[in-house]
Amino acid sequence: MSGWSQHQGHAIALQIHNVDTDQLIPSRFMSTPRSEGYGRFLLHDLRRDDGGEMLPDFPLNRQGLASILVAGRNFGSGSSREAAVYALVDAGVRAVFAPSFGDIFAGNAINNGLLPARITEEDMGLLFQALEDAAPAAEVCLEKGHLQIGDQRIGFDLDPSWRTKLINGWDDIDLTLAHKPDIDRYTQHLMRRAPWVRPAHITKSS
């Protein structure tokens, strides 16, 4: 996974709260191989009527998909399916801004290079107004922690370790290995202080 620190794209508003992972990708599509892409399944049922026709007033149909999504609170709640993140990423979404996220969804997002950026309810309202009739150009800066749309700049919260993972394109193992010198020093100190913790069948060279 390649890292990123800045992204320029277009922003779109999804003015719906509690969009869960079952809505992001219905379960009946999850047997599709990931190699075929999940982007076409994103919000499949919300975007269509009972006959399968696209709803012309749904934001992602009216304005088209964009790489920056502003959504309502509790985005990505529900089941733990990582395919919900795959659907967003495969559709070209790089960042989602919302007041809150499902915990498992947010962790899956980071591990797939997708930014789950927490904003205030007030800023959510401002962005909804700004994006109501258009999908303007926008820029996300991870290092400074802001979203820029025209003259409007919105700050967002992000765990520092998550920011590091996104910028470097790291997963949890990469993040742990970044601390290897400290881990090695601690291990050596522990072996000197408490050599009995090492199993008898393991030699020093191992």
C-alpha atoms as a PDB file:
ATOM      1  CA  MET A   1       0.000   0.000   0.000  1.00  0.00           C
ATOM      2  CA  SER A   2       1.427   3.370  -1.010  1.00  0.00           C
ATOM      3  CA  GLY A   3       1.319   6.211   1.491  1.00  0.00           C
ATOM      4  CA  TRP A   4       0.078   9.744   0.952  1.00  0.00           C
ATOM      5  CA  SER A   5       0.190  13.073   2.775  1.00  0.00           C
ATOM      6  CA  GLN A   6      -1.869  15.327   0.506  1.00  0.00           C
ATOM      7  CA  HIS A   7      -4.774  14.618  -1.785  1.00  0.00           C
ATOM      8  CA  GLN A   8      -6.546  16.837  -4.257  1.00  0.00           C
ATOM      9  CA  GLY A   9      -9.948  15.824  -5.560  1.00  0.00           C
ATOM     10  CA  HIS A  10     -13.616  16.693  -5.457  1.00  0.00           C
ATOM     11  CA  ALA A  11     -15.872  16.553  -2.409  1.00  0.00           C
ATOM     12  CA  ILE A  12     -19.457  15.376  -2.166  1.00  0.00           C
ATOM     13  CA  ALA A  13     -21.931  15.278   0.720  1.00  0.00           C
ATOM     14  CA  LEU A  14     -23.886  12.229   1.841  1.00  0.00           C
ATOM     15  CA  GLN A  15     -26.349  13.771   4.278  1.00  0.00           C
ATOM     16  CA  ILE A  16     -27.313  10.528   5.986  1.00  0.00           C
ATOM     17  CA  HIS A  17     -26.516   9.478   9.551  1.00  0.00           C
ATOM     18  CA  ASN A  18     -25.761   5.894  10.632  1.00  0.00           C
ATOM     19  CA  VAL A  19     -24.678   4.597   7.226  1.00  0.00           C
ATOM     20  CA  ASP A  20     -23.641   1.072   8.162  1.00  0.00           C
ATOM     21  CA  THR A  21     -21.372  -1.445   6.483  1.00  0.00           C
ATOM     22  CA  ASP A  22     -24.371  -3.437   5.199  1.00  0.00           C
ATOM     23  CA  GLN A  23     -25.463  -0.338   3.301  1.00  0.00           C
ATOM     24  CA  LEU A  24     -21.959   0.442   2.079  1.00  0.00           C
ATOM     25  CA  ILE A  25     -21.878  -3.004   0.463  1.00  0.00           C
ATOM     26  CA  PRO A  26     -24.795  -5.456   0.725  1.00  0.00           C
ATOM     27  CA  SER A  27     -23.727  -8.963   1.725  1.00  0.00           C
ATOM     28  CA  ARG A  28     -24.915 -10.582  -1.502  1.00  0.00           C
ATOM     29  CA  PHE A  29     -22.023  -8.964  -3.373  1.00  0.00           C
ATOM     30  CA  MET A  30     -19.277 -10.130  -1.037  1.00  0.00           C
ATOM     31  CA  SER A  31     -18.740 -13.428  -2.880  1.00  0.00           C
ATOM     32  CA  THR A  32     -17.316 -11.434  -5.787  1.00  0.00           C
ATOM     33  CA  PRO A  33     -13.505 -11.758  -5.995  1.00  0.00           C
ATOM     34  CA  ARG A  34     -11.788  -8.577  -4.833  1.00  0.00           C
ATOM     35  CA  SER A  35      -9.735  -8.629  -8.033  1.00  0.00           C
ATOM     36  CA  GLU A  36     -12.917  -7.735  -9.927  1.00  0.00           C
ATOM     37  CA  GLY A  37     -13.370  -4.575  -7.836  1.00  0.00           C
ATOM     38  CA  TYR A  38     -16.064  -3.642  -5.334  1.00  0.00           C
ATOM     39  CA  GLY A  39     -16.552  -0.034  -6.367  1.00  0.00           C
ATOM     40  CA  ARG A  40     -19.691  -0.702  -8.403  1.00  0.00           C
ATOM     41  CA  PHE A  41     -21.388  -2.109  -5.294  1.00  0.00           C
ATOM     42  CA  LEU A  42     -20.852   0.994  -3.138  1.00  0.00           C
ATOM     43  CA  LEU A  43     -24.159   2.044  -1.525  1.00  0.00           C
ATOM     44  CA  HIS A  44     -25.845  -0.144  -4.134  1.00  0.00           C
ATOM     45  CA  ASP A  45     -29.317  -0.330  -2.591  1.00  0.00           C
ATOM     46  CA  LEU A  46     -29.451   3.253  -1.324  1.00  0.00           C
ATOM     47  CA  ARG A  47     -28.672   4.535  -4.821  1.00  0.00           C
ATOM     48  CA  ARG A  48     -31.444   2.551  -6.504  1.00  0.00           C
ATOM     49  CA  ASP A  49     -35.207   2.187  -6.361  1.00  0.00           C
ATOM     50  CA  ASP A  50     -37.014  -1.136  -5.867  1.00  0.00           C
ATOM     51  CA  GLY A  51     -36.731  -1.819  -9.586  1.00  0.00           C
ATOM     52  CA  GLY A  52     -32.971  -1.361  -9.613  1.00  0.00           C
ATOM     53  CA  GLU A  53     -33.026   2.006 -11.393  1.00  0.00           C
ATOM     54  CA  MET A  54     -30.705   4.769 -10.193  1.00  0.00           C
ATOM     55  CA  LEU A  55     -32.418   7.413  -8.049  1.00  0.00           C
ATOM     56  CA  PRO A  56     -31.729  10.737  -9.795  1.00  0.00           C
ATOM     57  CA  ASP A  57     -31.848  12.756  -6.562  1.00  0.00           C
ATOM     58  CA  PHE A  58     -29.369  10.609  -4.632  1.00  0.00           C
ATOM     59  CA  PRO A  59     -26.168  12.689  -4.212  1.00  0.00           C
ATOM     60  CA  LEU A  60     -23.758  10.138  -5.665  1.00  0.00           C
ATOM     61  CA  ASN A  61     -26.030   9.757  -8.694  1.00  0.00           C
ATOM     62  CA  ARG A  62     -26.800  13.440  -9.156  1.00  0.00           C
ATOM     63  CA  GLN A  63     -23.251  14.742  -8.722  1.00  0.00           C
ATOM     64  CA  GLY A  64     -21.212  11.648  -9.506  1.00  0.00           C
ATOM     65  CA  LEU A  65     -18.666   9.878  -7.329  1.00  0.00           C
ATOM     66  CA  ALA A  66     -15.913  11.942  -5.746  1.00  0.00           C
ATOM     67  CA  SER A  67     -12.720  11.060  -3.899  1.00  0.00           C
ATOM     68  CA  ILE A  68     -13.698  13.011  -0.755  1.00  0.00           C
ATOM     69  CA  LEU A  69     -16.931  12.135   1.022  1.00  0.00           C
ATOM     70  CA  VAL A  70     -18.601  14.155   3.808  1.00  0.00           C
ATOM     71  CA  ALA A  71     -21.086  12.023   5.719  1.00  0.00           C
ATOM     72  CA  GLY A  72     -23.281  12.049   8.801  1.00  0.00           C
ATOM     73  CA  ARG A  73     -22.419  10.745  12.248  1.00  0.00           C
ATOM     74  CA  ASN A  74     -21.713   7.073  13.014  1.00  0.00           C
ATOM     75  CA  PHE A  75     -20.467   6.279   9.530  1.00  0.00           C
ATOM     76  CA  GLY A  76     -19.420   2.660   8.982  1.00  0.00           C
ATOM     77  CA  SER A  77     -21.262   1.229  11.969  1.00  0.00           C
ATOM     78  CA  GLY A  78     -22.702  -2.282  11.991  1.00  0.00           C
ATOM     79  CA  SER A  79     -20.861  -5.445  11.023  1.00  0.00           C
ATOM     80  CA  SER A  80     -17.073  -5.724  10.810  1.00  0.00           C
ATOM     81  CA  ARG A  81     -16.912  -6.480   7.085  1.00  0.00           C
ATOM     82  CA  GLU A  82     -13.750  -5.029   5.564  1.00  0.00           C
ATOM     83  CA  ALA A  83     -15.454  -5.188   2.179  1.00  0.00           C
ATOM     84  CA  ALA A  84     -17.207  -1.932   3.103  1.00  0.00           C
ATOM     85  CA  VAL A  85     -13.828  -0.216   2.977  1.00  0.00           C
ATOM     86  CA  TYR A  86     -12.925  -2.058  -0.227  1.00  0.00           C
ATOM     87  CA  ALA A  87     -16.073  -0.667  -1.868  1.00  0.00           C
ATOM     88  CA  LEU A  88     -15.109   2.901  -0.985  1.00  0.00           C
ATOM     89  CA  VAL A  89     -11.467   2.505  -2.004  1.00  0.00           C
ATOM     90  CA  ASP A  90     -12.310   0.714  -5.256  1.00  0.00           C
ATOM     91  CA  ALA A  91     -14.768   3.520  -6.088  1.00  0.00           C
ATOM     92  CA  GLY A  92     -11.919   6.016  -5.772  1.00  0.00           C
ATOM     93  CA  VAL A  93     -12.773   7.454  -2.347  1.00  0.00           C
ATOM     94  CA  ARG A  94      -9.623   8.537  -0.503  1.00  0.00           C
ATOM     95  CA  ALA A  95     -11.118  10.293   2.554  1.00  0.00           C
ATOM     96  CA  VAL A  96     -14.384  10.276   4.529  1.00  0.00           C
ATOM     97  CA  PHE A  97     -15.235  13.150   6.882  1.00  0.00           C
ATOM     98  CA  ALA A  98     -17.838  12.574   9.595  1.00  0.00           C
ATOM     99  CA  PRO A  99     -18.406  13.407  13.282  1.00  0.00           C
ATOM    100  CA  SER A 100     -17.974   9.737  14.269  1.00  0.00           C
ATOM    101  CA  PHE A 101     -17.188   6.327  12.798  1.00  0.00           C
ATOM    102  CA  GLY A 102     -17.678   2.694  13.641  1.00  0.00           C
ATOM    103  CA  ASP A 103     -14.503   1.628  15.462  1.00  0.00           C
ATOM    104  CA  ILE A 104     -13.788  -1.467  13.376  1.00  0.00           C
ATOM    105  CA  PHE A 105     -14.575   0.364  10.152  1.00  0.00           C
ATOM    106  CA  ALA A 106     -12.119   3.140  11.038  1.00  0.00           C
ATOM    107  CA  GLY A 107      -9.337   0.642  11.756  1.00  0.00           C
ATOM    108  CA  ASN A 108     -10.003  -1.183   8.494  1.00  0.00           C
ATOM    109  CA  ALA A 109     -10.000   2.128   6.651  1.00  0.00           C
ATOM    110  CA  ILE A 110      -6.552   3.096   7.918  1.00  0.00           C
ATOM    111  CA  ASN A 111      -5.133  -0.304   6.953  1.00  0.00           C
ATOM    112  CA  ASN A 112      -6.375   0.232   3.401  1.00  0.00           C
ATOM    113  CA  GLY A 113      -5.144   3.813   2.953  1.00  0.00           C
ATOM    114  CA  LEU A 114      -8.565   5.424   3.489  1.00  0.00           C
ATOM    115  CA  LEU A 115      -8.761   8.429   5.828  1.00  0.00           C
ATOM    116  CA  PRO A 116     -11.610   8.392   8.401  1.00  0.00           C
ATOM    117  CA  ALA A 117     -11.425  12.034   9.536  1.00  0.00           C
ATOM    118  CA  ARG A 118     -13.453  13.133  12.571  1.00  0.00           C
ATOM    119  CA  ILE A 119     -14.985  16.601  12.336  1.00  0.00           C
ATOM    120  CA  THR A 120     -17.366  18.506  14.601  1.00  0.00           C
ATOM    121  CA  GLU A 121     -21.121  18.491  14.121  1.00  0.00           C
ATOM    122  CA  GLU A 122     -20.907  22.219  13.353  1.00  0.00           C
ATOM    123  CA  ASP A 123     -18.316  21.701  10.625  1.00  0.00           C
ATOM    124  CA  MET A 124     -20.372  18.842   9.224  1.00  0.00           C
ATOM    125  CA  GLY A 125     -23.298  21.238   8.852  1.00  0.00           C
ATOM    126  CA  LEU A 126     -21.131  23.869   7.174  1.00  0.00           C
ATOM    127  CA  LEU A 127     -19.786  21.321   4.714  1.00  0.00           C
ATOM    128  CA  PHE A 128     -23.247  19.977   3.957  1.00  0.00           C
ATOM    129  CA  GLN A 129     -24.335  23.490   3.027  1.00  0.00           C
ATOM    130  CA  ALA A 130     -21.243  24.123   0.913  1.00  0.00           C
ATOM    131  CA  LEU A 131     -21.654  20.825  -0.954  1.00  0.00           C
ATOM    132  CA  GLU A 132     -25.417  20.825  -1.369  1.00  0.00           C
ATOM    133  CA  ASP A 133     -25.504  21.675  -5.081  1.00  0.00           C
ATOM    134  CA  ALA A 134     -21.947  21.038  -6.233  1.00  0.00           C
ATOM    135  CA  ALA A 135     -18.891  18.804  -5.907  1.00  0.00           C
ATOM    136  CA  PRO A 136     -16.140  21.423  -5.712  1.00  0.00           C
ATOM    137  CA  ALA A 137     -12.405  20.886  -5.809  1.00  0.00           C
ATOM    138  CA  ALA A 138     -10.930  20.165  -2.395  1.00  0.00           C
ATOM    139  CA  GLU A 139      -7.606  19.318  -0.802  1.00  0.00           C
ATOM    140  CA  VAL A 140      -6.811  17.135   2.201  1.00  0.00           C
ATOM    141  CA  CYS A 141      -3.559  17.596   4.127  1.00  0.00           C
ATOM    142  CA  LEU A 142      -2.717  14.842   6.575  1.00  0.00           C
ATOM    143  CA  GLU A 143       0.313  16.572   8.090  1.00  0.00           C
ATOM    144  CA  LYS A 144      -1.589  19.759   8.952  1.00  0.00           C
ATOM    145  CA  GLY A 145      -4.871  17.971   9.591  1.00  0.00           C
ATOM    146  CA  HIS A 146      -7.252  20.020   7.479  1.00  0.00           C
ATOM    147  CA  LEU A 147      -9.662  19.920   4.557  1.00  0.00           C
ATOM    148  CA  GLN A 148      -9.572  22.936   2.239  1.00  0.00           C
ATOM    149  CA  ILE A 149     -12.575  23.762   0.032  1.00  0.00           C
ATOM    150  CA  GLY A 150     -12.252  27.159  -1.593  1.00  0.00           C
ATOM    151  CA  ASP A 151     -11.653  29.683   1.185  1.00  0.00           C
ATOM    152  CA  GLN A 152     -13.075  27.339   3.817  1.00  0.00           C
ATOM    153  CA  ARG A 153     -10.659  25.307   5.918  1.00  0.00           C
ATOM    154  CA  ILE A 154     -11.936  22.574   8.247  1.00  0.00           C
ATOM    155  CA  GLY A 155      -9.693  20.868  10.802  1.00  0.00           C
ATOM    156  CA  PHE A 156     -10.050  17.198  11.671  1.00  0.00           C
ATOM    157  CA  ASP A 157      -8.953  14.810  14.412  1.00  0.00           C
ATOM    158  CA  LEU A 158      -6.784  11.799  13.665  1.00  0.00           C
ATOM    159  CA  ASP A 159      -4.845   9.508  15.963  1.00  0.00           C
ATOM    160  CA  PRO A 160      -1.094  10.225  15.502  1.00  0.00           C
ATOM    161  CA  SER A 161      -0.281   6.576  14.847  1.00  0.00           C
ATOM    162  CA  TRP A 162      -2.997   6.437  12.197  1.00  0.00           C
ATOM    163  CA  ARG A 163      -1.565   9.547  10.552  1.00  0.00           C
ATOM    164  CA  THR A 164       1.863   7.882  10.492  1.00  0.00           C
ATOM    165  CA  LYS A 165       0.426   4.732   8.933  1.00  0.00           C
ATOM    166  CA  LEU A 166      -1.387   6.645   6.196  1.00  0.00           C
ATOM    167  CA  ILE A 167       1.569   8.850   5.303  1.00  0.00           C
ATOM    168  CA  ASN A 168       3.999   5.934   5.149  1.00  0.00           C
ATOM    169  CA  GLY A 169       1.601   3.367   3.716  1.00  0.00           C
ATOM    170  CA  TRP A 170       2.159   1.134   6.746  1.00  0.00           C
ATOM    171  CA  ASP A 171       0.102  -1.623   8.293  1.00  0.00           C
ATOM    172  CA  ASP A 172       0.254  -2.664  11.961  1.00  0.00           C
ATOM    173  CA  ILE A 173       3.345  -4.818  11.408  1.00  0.00           C
ATOM    174  CA  ASP A 174       5.206  -1.952   9.719  1.00  0.00           C
ATOM    175  CA  LEU A 175       4.294   0.350  12.585  1.00  0.00           C
ATOM    176  CA  THR A 176       5.649  -2.168  15.097  1.00  0.00           C
ATOM    177  CA  LEU A 177       8.876  -2.673  13.119  1.00  0.00           C
ATOM    178  CA  ALA A 178       9.472   1.086  13.202  1.00  0.00           C
ATOM    179  CA  HIS A 179      10.087   0.622  16.940  1.00  0.00           C
ATOM    180  CA  LYS A 180      12.441  -2.352  16.491  1.00  0.00           C
ATOM    181  CA  PRO A 181      15.532  -0.619  17.972  1.00  0.00           C
ATOM    182  CA  ASP A 182      13.585   0.161  21.147  1.00  0.00           C
ATOM    183  CA  ILE A 183      12.161  -3.348  21.248  1.00  0.00           C
ATOM    184  CA  ASP A 184      15.635  -4.864  20.848  1.00  0.00           C
ATOM    185  CA  ARG A 185      17.039  -2.673  23.612  1.00  0.00           C
ATOM    186  CA  TYR A 186      14.228  -3.627  25.951  1.00  0.00           C
ATOM    187  CA  THR A 187      14.682  -7.326  25.141  1.00  0.00           C
ATOM    188  CA  GLN A 188      18.401  -7.165  25.899  1.00  0.00           C
ATOM    189  CA  HIS A 189      17.753  -5.313  29.158  1.00  0.00           C
ATOM    190  CA  LEU A 190      15.098  -7.847  30.162  1.00  0.00           C
ATOM    191  CA  MET A 191      17.395 -10.793  29.435  1.00  0.00           C
ATOM    192  CA  ARG A 192      20.106  -9.305  31.638  1.00  0.00           C
ATOM    193  CA  ARG A 193      17.688  -8.488  34.448  1.00  0.00           C
ATOM    194  CA  ALA A 194      15.588 -11.633  34.285  1.00  0.00           C
ATOM    195  CA  PRO A 195      17.342 -14.332  32.219  1.00  0.00           C
ATOM    196  CA  TRP A 196      14.968 -16.923  33.629  1.00  0.00           C
ATOM    197  CA  VAL A 197      12.178 -15.683  31.361  1.00  0.00           C
ATOM    198  CA  ARG A 198      13.919 -17.221  28.345  1.00  0.00           C
ATOM    199  CA  PRO A 199      12.837 -20.864  27.809  1.00  0.00           C
ATOM    200  CA  ALA A 200      15.686 -23.282  28.580  1.00  0.00           C
ATOM    201  CA  HIS A 201      15.715 -24.771  25.094  1.00  0.00           C
ATOM    202  CA  ILE A 202      16.347 -21.371  23.424  1.00  0.00           C
ATOM    203  CA  THR A 203      19.992 -20.397  23.183  1.00  0.00           C
ATOM    204  CA  LYS A 204      21.317 -16.850  23.162  1.00  0.00           C
ATOM    205  CA  SER A 205      22.148 -17.115  19.464  1.00  0.00           C
ATOM    206  CA  SER A 206      18.529 -17.917  18.612  1.00  0.00           C
END
